[in-house]
Amino acid sequence: MDSILNQGHEEGPVAKAIEKQTAKLPSDTFLWAAVGAMGLSLALQCLRQKHISLFIGQWAAPFLLMGIYNKIVKVEGHD
């Protein structure tokens, strides 16, 4: 079934290089990065640094998405 899904599709050299490097990181690295971004955002809100707090707070979602991508690559592999 995998051959049907991946028919004619191959990852580019940039994606392969990124996957090779990020696969070396533990999956919880991205989770802790997201929690850290939220904590730093909260601290900045308490210090009344609203704009920078909102900017850093928005990093949590991309960190979590990178963690999901990393986990998928580890479980399913790449080309």
PDB file of N, CA and C in Angstrom:
ATOM      1  N   MET A   1       0.826  -1.195   0.000  1.00  0.00           N
ATOM      2  CA  MET A   1       0.000   0.000   0.000  1.00  0.00           C
ATOM      3  C   MET A   1       0.866   1.252   0.000  1.00  0.00           C
ATOM      4  N   ASP A   2       2.044   1.217   0.669  1.00  0.00           N
ATOM      5  CA  ASP A   2       2.923   2.373   0.678  1.00  0.00           C
ATOM      6  C   ASP A   2       3.349   2.772  -0.725  1.00  0.00           C
ATOM      7  N   SER A   3       3.553   1.783  -1.593  1.00  0.00           N
ATOM      8  CA  SER A   3       3.982   2.103  -2.951  1.00  0.00           C
ATOM      9  C   SER A   3       2.909   2.870  -3.700  1.00  0.00           C
ATOM     10  N   ILE A   4       1.650   2.626  -3.380  1.00  0.00           N
ATOM     11  CA  ILE A   4       0.555   3.348  -4.019  1.00  0.00           C
ATOM     12  C   ILE A   4       0.531   4.796  -3.531  1.00  0.00           C
ATOM     13  N   LEU A   5       0.715   5.003  -2.230  1.00  0.00           N
ATOM     14  CA  LEU A   5       0.667   6.344  -1.669  1.00  0.00           C
ATOM     15  C   LEU A   5       1.854   7.193  -2.085  1.00  0.00           C
ATOM     16  N   ASN A   6       3.036   6.603  -2.211  1.00  0.00           N
ATOM     17  CA  ASN A   6       4.251   7.353  -2.515  1.00  0.00           C
ATOM     18  C   ASN A   6       4.637   7.300  -3.988  1.00  0.00           C
ATOM     19  N   GLN A   7       3.746   6.838  -4.826  1.00  0.00           N
ATOM     20  CA  GLN A   7       4.056   6.671  -6.234  1.00  0.00           C
ATOM     21  C   GLN A   7       4.410   8.005  -6.879  1.00  0.00           C
ATOM     22  N   GLY A   8       5.628   8.106  -7.402  1.00  0.00           N
ATOM     23  CA  GLY A   8       6.048   9.310  -8.094  1.00  0.00           C
ATOM     24  C   GLY A   8       6.413  10.463  -7.182  1.00  0.00           C
ATOM     25  N   HIS A   9       6.515  10.210  -5.898  1.00  0.00           N
ATOM     26  CA  HIS A   9       6.840  11.288  -4.950  1.00  0.00           C
ATOM     27  C   HIS A   9       8.166  10.991  -4.284  1.00  0.00           C
ATOM     28  N   GLU A  10       9.038  11.977  -4.287  1.00  0.00           N
ATOM     29  CA  GLU A  10      10.321  11.828  -3.612  1.00  0.00           C
ATOM     30  C   GLU A  10      10.664  13.148  -2.946  1.00  0.00           C
ATOM     31  N   GLU A  11      11.197  13.064  -1.731  1.00  0.00           N
ATOM     32  CA  GLU A  11      11.584  14.266  -1.000  1.00  0.00           C
ATOM     33  C   GLU A  11      12.791  14.930  -1.665  1.00  0.00           C
ATOM     34  N   GLY A  12      12.838  16.249  -1.564  1.00  0.00           N
ATOM     35  CA  GLY A  12      13.968  16.991  -2.097  1.00  0.00           C
ATOM     36  C   GLY A  12      15.157  16.917  -1.162  1.00  0.00           C
ATOM     37  N   PRO A  13      16.303  17.381  -1.616  1.00  0.00           N
ATOM     38  CA  PRO A  13      17.517  17.289  -0.794  1.00  0.00           C
ATOM     39  C   PRO A  13      17.443  18.144   0.480  1.00  0.00           C
ATOM     40  N   VAL A  14      16.759  19.265   0.425  1.00  0.00           N
ATOM     41  CA  VAL A  14      16.645  20.122   1.612  1.00  0.00           C
ATOM     42  C   VAL A  14      15.805  19.422   2.679  1.00  0.00           C
ATOM     43  N   ALA A  15      14.660  18.859   2.272  1.00  0.00           N
ATOM     44  CA  ALA A  15      13.794  18.160   3.228  1.00  0.00           C
ATOM     45  C   ALA A  15      14.512  16.959   3.837  1.00  0.00           C
ATOM     46  N   LYS A  16      15.240  16.228   3.026  1.00  0.00           N
ATOM     47  CA  LYS A  16      15.983  15.072   3.549  1.00  0.00           C
ATOM     48  C   LYS A  16      17.040  15.502   4.563  1.00  0.00           C
ATOM     49  N   ALA A  17      17.735  16.597   4.273  1.00  0.00           N
ATOM     50  CA  ALA A  17      18.771  17.083   5.195  1.00  0.00           C
ATOM     51  C   ALA A  17      18.157  17.540   6.517  1.00  0.00           C
ATOM     52  N   ILE A  18      17.034  18.248   6.441  1.00  0.00           N
ATOM     53  CA  ILE A  18      16.359  18.717   7.655  1.00  0.00           C
ATOM     54  C   ILE A  18      15.868  17.527   8.470  1.00  0.00           C
ATOM     55  N   GLU A  19      15.252  16.571   7.817  1.00  0.00           N
ATOM     56  CA  GLU A  19      14.751  15.387   8.524  1.00  0.00           C
ATOM     57  C   GLU A  19      15.877  14.598   9.171  1.00  0.00           C
ATOM     58  N   LYS A  20      17.006  14.509   8.493  1.00  0.00           N
ATOM     59  CA  LYS A  20      18.147  13.778   9.041  1.00  0.00           C
ATOM     60  C   LYS A  20      18.664  14.432  10.317  1.00  0.00           C
ATOM     61  N   GLN A  21      18.704  15.763  10.341  1.00  0.00           N
ATOM     62  CA  GLN A  21      19.200  16.484  11.516  1.00  0.00           C
ATOM     63  C   GLN A  21      18.176  16.499  12.647  1.00  0.00           C
ATOM     64  N   THR A  22      16.905  16.772  12.335  1.00  0.00           N
ATOM     65  CA  THR A  22      15.901  16.849  13.394  1.00  0.00           C
ATOM     66  C   THR A  22      15.583  15.486  13.989  1.00  0.00           C
ATOM     67  N   ALA A  23      15.821  14.404  13.252  1.00  0.00           N
ATOM     68  CA  ALA A  23      15.579  13.066  13.787  1.00  0.00           C
ATOM     69  C   ALA A  23      16.524  12.753  14.949  1.00  0.00           C
ATOM     70  N   LYS A  24      17.614  13.494  15.042  1.00  0.00           N
ATOM     71  CA  LYS A  24      18.566  13.289  16.141  1.00  0.00           C
ATOM     72  C   LYS A  24      18.059  13.890  17.453  1.00  0.00           C
ATOM     73  N   LEU A  25      17.095  14.804  17.377  1.00  0.00           N
ATOM     74  CA  LEU A  25      16.560  15.462  18.573  1.00  0.00           C
ATOM     75  C   LEU A  25      15.495  14.598  19.227  1.00  0.00           C
ATOM     76  N   PRO A  26      15.469  14.552  20.550  1.00  0.00           N
ATOM     77  CA  PRO A  26      14.358  13.865  21.219  1.00  0.00           C
ATOM     78  C   PRO A  26      13.051  14.588  20.925  1.00  0.00           C
ATOM     79  N   SER A  27      11.971  13.854  20.827  1.00  0.00           N
ATOM     80  CA  SER A  27      10.679  14.452  20.474  1.00  0.00           C
ATOM     81  C   SER A  27      10.212  15.479  21.496  1.00  0.00           C
ATOM     82  N   ASP A  28      10.566  15.281  22.764  1.00  0.00           N
ATOM     83  CA  ASP A  28      10.085  16.225  23.776  1.00  0.00           C
ATOM     84  C   ASP A  28      10.831  17.563  23.739  1.00  0.00           C
ATOM     85  N   THR A  29      11.872  17.678  22.935  1.00  0.00           N
ATOM     86  CA  THR A  29      12.572  18.962  22.781  1.00  0.00           C
ATOM     87  C   THR A  29      11.603  20.032  22.299  1.00  0.00           C
ATOM     88  N   PHE A  30      10.771  19.667  21.327  1.00  0.00           N
ATOM     89  CA  PHE A  30       9.823  20.625  20.768  1.00  0.00           C
ATOM     90  C   PHE A  30       8.722  20.963  21.760  1.00  0.00           C
ATOM     91  N   LEU A  31       8.314  19.972  22.552  1.00  0.00           N
ATOM     92  CA  LEU A  31       7.307  20.222  23.588  1.00  0.00           C
ATOM     93  C   LEU A  31       7.844  21.213  24.612  1.00  0.00           C
ATOM     94  N   TRP A  32       9.079  21.016  25.069  1.00  0.00           N
ATOM     95  CA  TRP A  32       9.657  21.919  26.055  1.00  0.00           C
ATOM     96  C   TRP A  32       9.901  23.309  25.468  1.00  0.00           C
ATOM     97  N   ALA A  33      10.232  23.377  24.190  1.00  0.00           N
ATOM     98  CA  ALA A  33      10.398  24.678  23.544  1.00  0.00           C
ATOM     99  C   ALA A  33       9.063  25.433  23.532  1.00  0.00           C
ATOM    100  N   ALA A  34       7.967  24.723  23.268  1.00  0.00           N
ATOM    101  CA  ALA A  34       6.643  25.351  23.262  1.00  0.00           C
ATOM    102  C   ALA A  34       6.257  25.815  24.666  1.00  0.00           C
ATOM    103  N   VAL A  35       6.498  24.965  25.663  1.00  0.00           N
ATOM    104  CA  VAL A  35       6.187  25.335  27.050  1.00  0.00           C
ATOM    105  C   VAL A  35       7.051  26.529  27.469  1.00  0.00           C
ATOM    106  N   GLY A  36       8.308  26.528  27.071  1.00  0.00           N
ATOM    107  CA  GLY A  36       9.198  27.654  27.377  1.00  0.00           C
ATOM    108  C   GLY A  36       8.722  28.954  26.747  1.00  0.00           C
ATOM    109  N   ALA A  37       8.261  28.873  25.503  1.00  0.00           N
ATOM    110  CA  ALA A  37       7.748  30.065  24.823  1.00  0.00           C
ATOM    111  C   ALA A  37       6.513  30.600  25.541  1.00  0.00           C
ATOM    112  N   MET A  38       5.652  29.698  25.981  1.00  0.00           N
ATOM    113  CA  MET A  38       4.453  30.145  26.704  1.00  0.00           C
ATOM    114  C   MET A  38       4.819  30.764  28.049  1.00  0.00           C
ATOM    115  N   GLY A  39       5.781  30.151  28.743  1.00  0.00           N
ATOM    116  CA  GLY A  39       6.217  30.689  30.033  1.00  0.00           C
ATOM    117  C   GLY A  39       6.872  32.048  29.886  1.00  0.00           C
ATOM    118  N   LEU A  40       7.731  32.185  28.881  1.00  0.00           N
ATOM    119  CA  LEU A  40       8.377  33.471  28.636  1.00  0.00           C
ATOM    120  C   LEU A  40       7.350  34.523  28.248  1.00  0.00           C
ATOM    121  N   SER A  41       6.370  34.128  27.465  1.00  0.00           N
ATOM    122  CA  SER A  41       5.299  35.047  27.085  1.00  0.00           C
ATOM    123  C   SER A  41       4.522  35.519  28.318  1.00  0.00           C
ATOM    124  N   LEU A  42       4.231  34.592  29.219  1.00  0.00           N
ATOM    125  CA  LEU A  42       3.530  34.955  30.453  1.00  0.00           C
ATOM    126  C   LEU A  42       4.361  35.915  31.293  1.00  0.00           C
ATOM    127  N   ALA A  43       5.643  35.622  31.414  1.00  0.00           N
ATOM    128  CA  ALA A  43       6.519  36.503  32.196  1.00  0.00           C
ATOM    129  C   ALA A  43       6.569  37.905  31.588  1.00  0.00           C
ATOM    130  N   LEU A  44       6.652  37.974  30.278  1.00  0.00           N
ATOM    131  CA  LEU A  44       6.682  39.282  29.619  1.00  0.00           C
ATOM    132  C   LEU A  44       5.357  40.031  29.777  1.00  0.00           C
ATOM    133  N   GLN A  45       4.249  39.286  29.787  1.00  0.00           N
ATOM    134  CA  GLN A  45       2.951  39.930  30.038  1.00  0.00           C
ATOM    135  C   GLN A  45       2.921  40.536  31.436  1.00  0.00           C
ATOM    136  N   CYS A  46       3.476  39.792  32.400  1.00  0.00           N
ATOM    137  CA  CYS A  46       3.527  40.300  33.779  1.00  0.00           C
ATOM    138  C   CYS A  46       4.414  41.535  33.891  1.00  0.00           C
ATOM    139  N   LEU A  47       5.406  41.621  33.015  1.00  0.00           N
ATOM    140  CA  LEU A  47       6.293  42.791  33.002  1.00  0.00           C
ATOM    141  C   LEU A  47       5.767  43.912  32.104  1.00  0.00           C
ATOM    142  N   ARG A  48       4.543  43.744  31.642  1.00  0.00           N
ATOM    143  CA  ARG A  48       3.858  44.728  30.794  1.00  0.00           C
ATOM    144  C   ARG A  48       4.575  44.973  29.462  1.00  0.00           C
ATOM    145  N   GLN A  49       5.160  43.923  28.919  1.00  0.00           N
ATOM    146  CA  GLN A  49       5.795  43.970  27.596  1.00  0.00           C
ATOM    147  C   GLN A  49       4.869  43.245  26.609  1.00  0.00           C
ATOM    148  N   LYS A  50       3.724  43.877  26.342  1.00  0.00           N
ATOM    149  CA  LYS A  50       2.655  43.221  25.609  1.00  0.00           C
ATOM    150  C   LYS A  50       3.064  42.762  24.207  1.00  0.00           C
ATOM    151  N   HIS A  51       3.680  43.621  23.423  1.00  0.00           N
ATOM    152  CA  HIS A  51       3.967  43.290  22.025  1.00  0.00           C
ATOM    153  C   HIS A  51       4.968  42.144  21.896  1.00  0.00           C
ATOM    154  N   ILE A  52       6.049  42.201  22.625  1.00  0.00           N
ATOM    155  CA  ILE A  52       7.040  41.117  22.554  1.00  0.00           C
ATOM    156  C   ILE A  52       6.463  39.828  23.140  1.00  0.00           C
ATOM    157  N   SER A  53       5.611  39.964  24.156  1.00  0.00           N
ATOM    158  CA  SER A  53       4.963  38.802  24.757  1.00  0.00           C
ATOM    159  C   SER A  53       4.081  38.080  23.736  1.00  0.00           C
ATOM    160  N   LEU A  54       3.307  38.835  22.987  1.00  0.00           N
ATOM    161  CA  LEU A  54       2.443  38.234  21.966  1.00  0.00           C
ATOM    162  C   LEU A  54       3.274  37.589  20.856  1.00  0.00           C
ATOM    163  N   PHE A  55       4.372  38.237  20.488  1.00  0.00           N
ATOM    164  CA  PHE A  55       5.256  37.699  19.455  1.00  0.00           C
ATOM    165  C   PHE A  55       5.826  36.349  19.892  1.00  0.00           C
ATOM    166  N   ILE A  56       6.351  36.281  21.097  1.00  0.00           N
ATOM    167  CA  ILE A  56       6.959  35.039  21.585  1.00  0.00           C
ATOM    168  C   ILE A  56       5.900  33.978  21.870  1.00  0.00           C
ATOM    169  N   GLY A  57       4.731  34.404  22.336  1.00  0.00           N
ATOM    170  CA  GLY A  57       3.648  33.456  22.601  1.00  0.00           C
ATOM    171  C   GLY A  57       3.189  32.725  21.350  1.00  0.00           C
ATOM    172  N   GLN A  58       3.351  33.352  20.204  1.00  0.00           N
ATOM    173  CA  GLN A  58       2.941  32.717  18.948  1.00  0.00           C
ATOM    174  C   GLN A  58       3.924  31.644  18.489  1.00  0.00           C
ATOM    175  N   TRP A  59       5.059  31.521  19.136  1.00  0.00           N
ATOM    176  CA  TRP A  59       6.035  30.493  18.773  1.00  0.00           C
ATOM    177  C   TRP A  59       5.592  29.104  19.225  1.00  0.00           C
ATOM    178  N   ALA A  60       4.694  29.016  20.194  1.00  0.00           N
ATOM    179  CA  ALA A  60       4.310  27.716  20.754  1.00  0.00           C
ATOM    180  C   ALA A  60       3.720  26.788  19.689  1.00  0.00           C
ATOM    181  N   ALA A  61       2.794  27.284  18.900  1.00  0.00           N
ATOM    182  CA  ALA A  61       2.149  26.440  17.883  1.00  0.00           C
ATOM    183  C   ALA A  61       3.156  25.907  16.849  1.00  0.00           C
ATOM    184  N   PRO A  62       4.035  26.748  16.290  1.00  0.00           N
ATOM    185  CA  PRO A  62       5.017  26.183  15.351  1.00  0.00           C
ATOM    186  C   PRO A  62       5.944  25.148  15.989  1.00  0.00           C
ATOM    187  N   PHE A  63       6.336  25.365  17.258  1.00  0.00           N
ATOM    188  CA  PHE A  63       7.170  24.367  17.930  1.00  0.00           C
ATOM    189  C   PHE A  63       6.433  23.034  18.039  1.00  0.00           C
ATOM    190  N   LEU A  64       5.155  23.077  18.394  1.00  0.00           N
ATOM    191  CA  LEU A  64       4.373  21.850  18.512  1.00  0.00           C
ATOM    192  C   LEU A  64       4.198  21.171  17.153  1.00  0.00           C
ATOM    193  N   LEU A  65       3.979  21.964  16.110  1.00  0.00           N
ATOM    194  CA  LEU A  65       3.863  21.397  14.768  1.00  0.00           C
ATOM    195  C   LEU A  65       5.170  20.752  14.312  1.00  0.00           C
ATOM    196  N   MET A  66       6.287  21.382  14.640  1.00  0.00           N
ATOM    197  CA  MET A  66       7.585  20.784  14.303  1.00  0.00           C
ATOM    198  C   MET A  66       7.777  19.475  15.054  1.00  0.00           C
ATOM    199  N   GLY A  67       7.298  19.417  16.294  1.00  0.00           N
ATOM    200  CA  GLY A  67       7.379  18.184  17.071  1.00  0.00           C
ATOM    201  C   GLY A  67       6.556  17.072  16.457  1.00  0.00           C
ATOM    202  N   ILE A  68       5.373  17.405  15.973  1.00  0.00           N
ATOM    203  CA  ILE A  68       4.525  16.403  15.313  1.00  0.00           C
ATOM    204  C   ILE A  68       5.200  15.909  14.037  1.00  0.00           C
ATOM    205  N   TYR A  69       5.722  16.836  13.258  1.00  0.00           N
ATOM    206  CA  TYR A  69       6.425  16.463  12.029  1.00  0.00           C
ATOM    207  C   TYR A  69       7.619  15.564  12.344  1.00  0.00           C
ATOM    208  N   ASN A  70       8.371  15.935  13.365  1.00  0.00           N
ATOM    209  CA  ASN A  70       9.536  15.149  13.784  1.00  0.00           C
ATOM    210  C   ASN A  70       9.118  13.733  14.168  1.00  0.00           C
ATOM    211  N   LYS A  71       8.037  13.618  14.908  1.00  0.00           N
ATOM    212  CA  LYS A  71       7.557  12.308  15.351  1.00  0.00           C
ATOM    213  C   LYS A  71       7.111  11.464  14.162  1.00  0.00           C
ATOM    214  N   ILE A  72       6.414  12.077  13.215  1.00  0.00           N
ATOM    215  CA  ILE A  72       5.963  11.348  12.023  1.00  0.00           C
ATOM    216  C   ILE A  72       7.163  10.836  11.238  1.00  0.00           C
ATOM    217  N   VAL A  73       8.169  11.671  11.074  1.00  0.00           N
ATOM    218  CA  VAL A  73       9.367  11.261  10.327  1.00  0.00           C
ATOM    219  C   VAL A  73      10.066  10.109  11.041  1.00  0.00           C
ATOM    220  N   LYS A  74      10.114  10.157  12.361  1.00  0.00           N
ATOM    221  CA  LYS A  74      10.762   9.071  13.110  1.00  0.00           C
ATOM    222  C   LYS A  74       9.991   7.769  12.992  1.00  0.00           C
ATOM    223  N   VAL A  75       8.672   7.840  13.032  1.00  0.00           N
ATOM    224  CA  VAL A  75       7.847   6.637  12.996  1.00  0.00           C
ATOM    225  C   VAL A  75       7.717   6.081  11.574  1.00  0.00           C
ATOM    226  N   GLU A  76       7.424   6.953  10.631  1.00  0.00           N
ATOM    227  CA  GLU A  76       7.184   6.511   9.260  1.00  0.00           C
ATOM    228  C   GLU A  76       8.433   6.531   8.399  1.00  0.00           C
ATOM    229  N   GLY A  77       9.418   7.325   8.805  1.00  0.00           N
ATOM    230  CA  GLY A  77      10.618   7.461   7.994  1.00  0.00           C
ATOM    231  C   GLY A  77      10.369   8.371   6.805  1.00  0.00           C
ATOM    232  N   HIS A  78      11.404   8.573   6.023  1.00  0.00           N
ATOM    233  CA  HIS A  78      11.260   9.344   4.793  1.00  0.00           C
ATOM    234  C   HIS A  78      11.697   8.465   3.651  1.00  0.00           C
ATOM    235  N   ASP A  79      11.691   9.018   2.434  1.00  0.00           N
ATOM    236  CA  ASP A  79      12.038   8.234   1.247  1.00  0.00           C
ATOM    237  C   ASP A  79      13.312   7.523   1.501  1.00  0.00           C
TER     238      ASP A  79
END
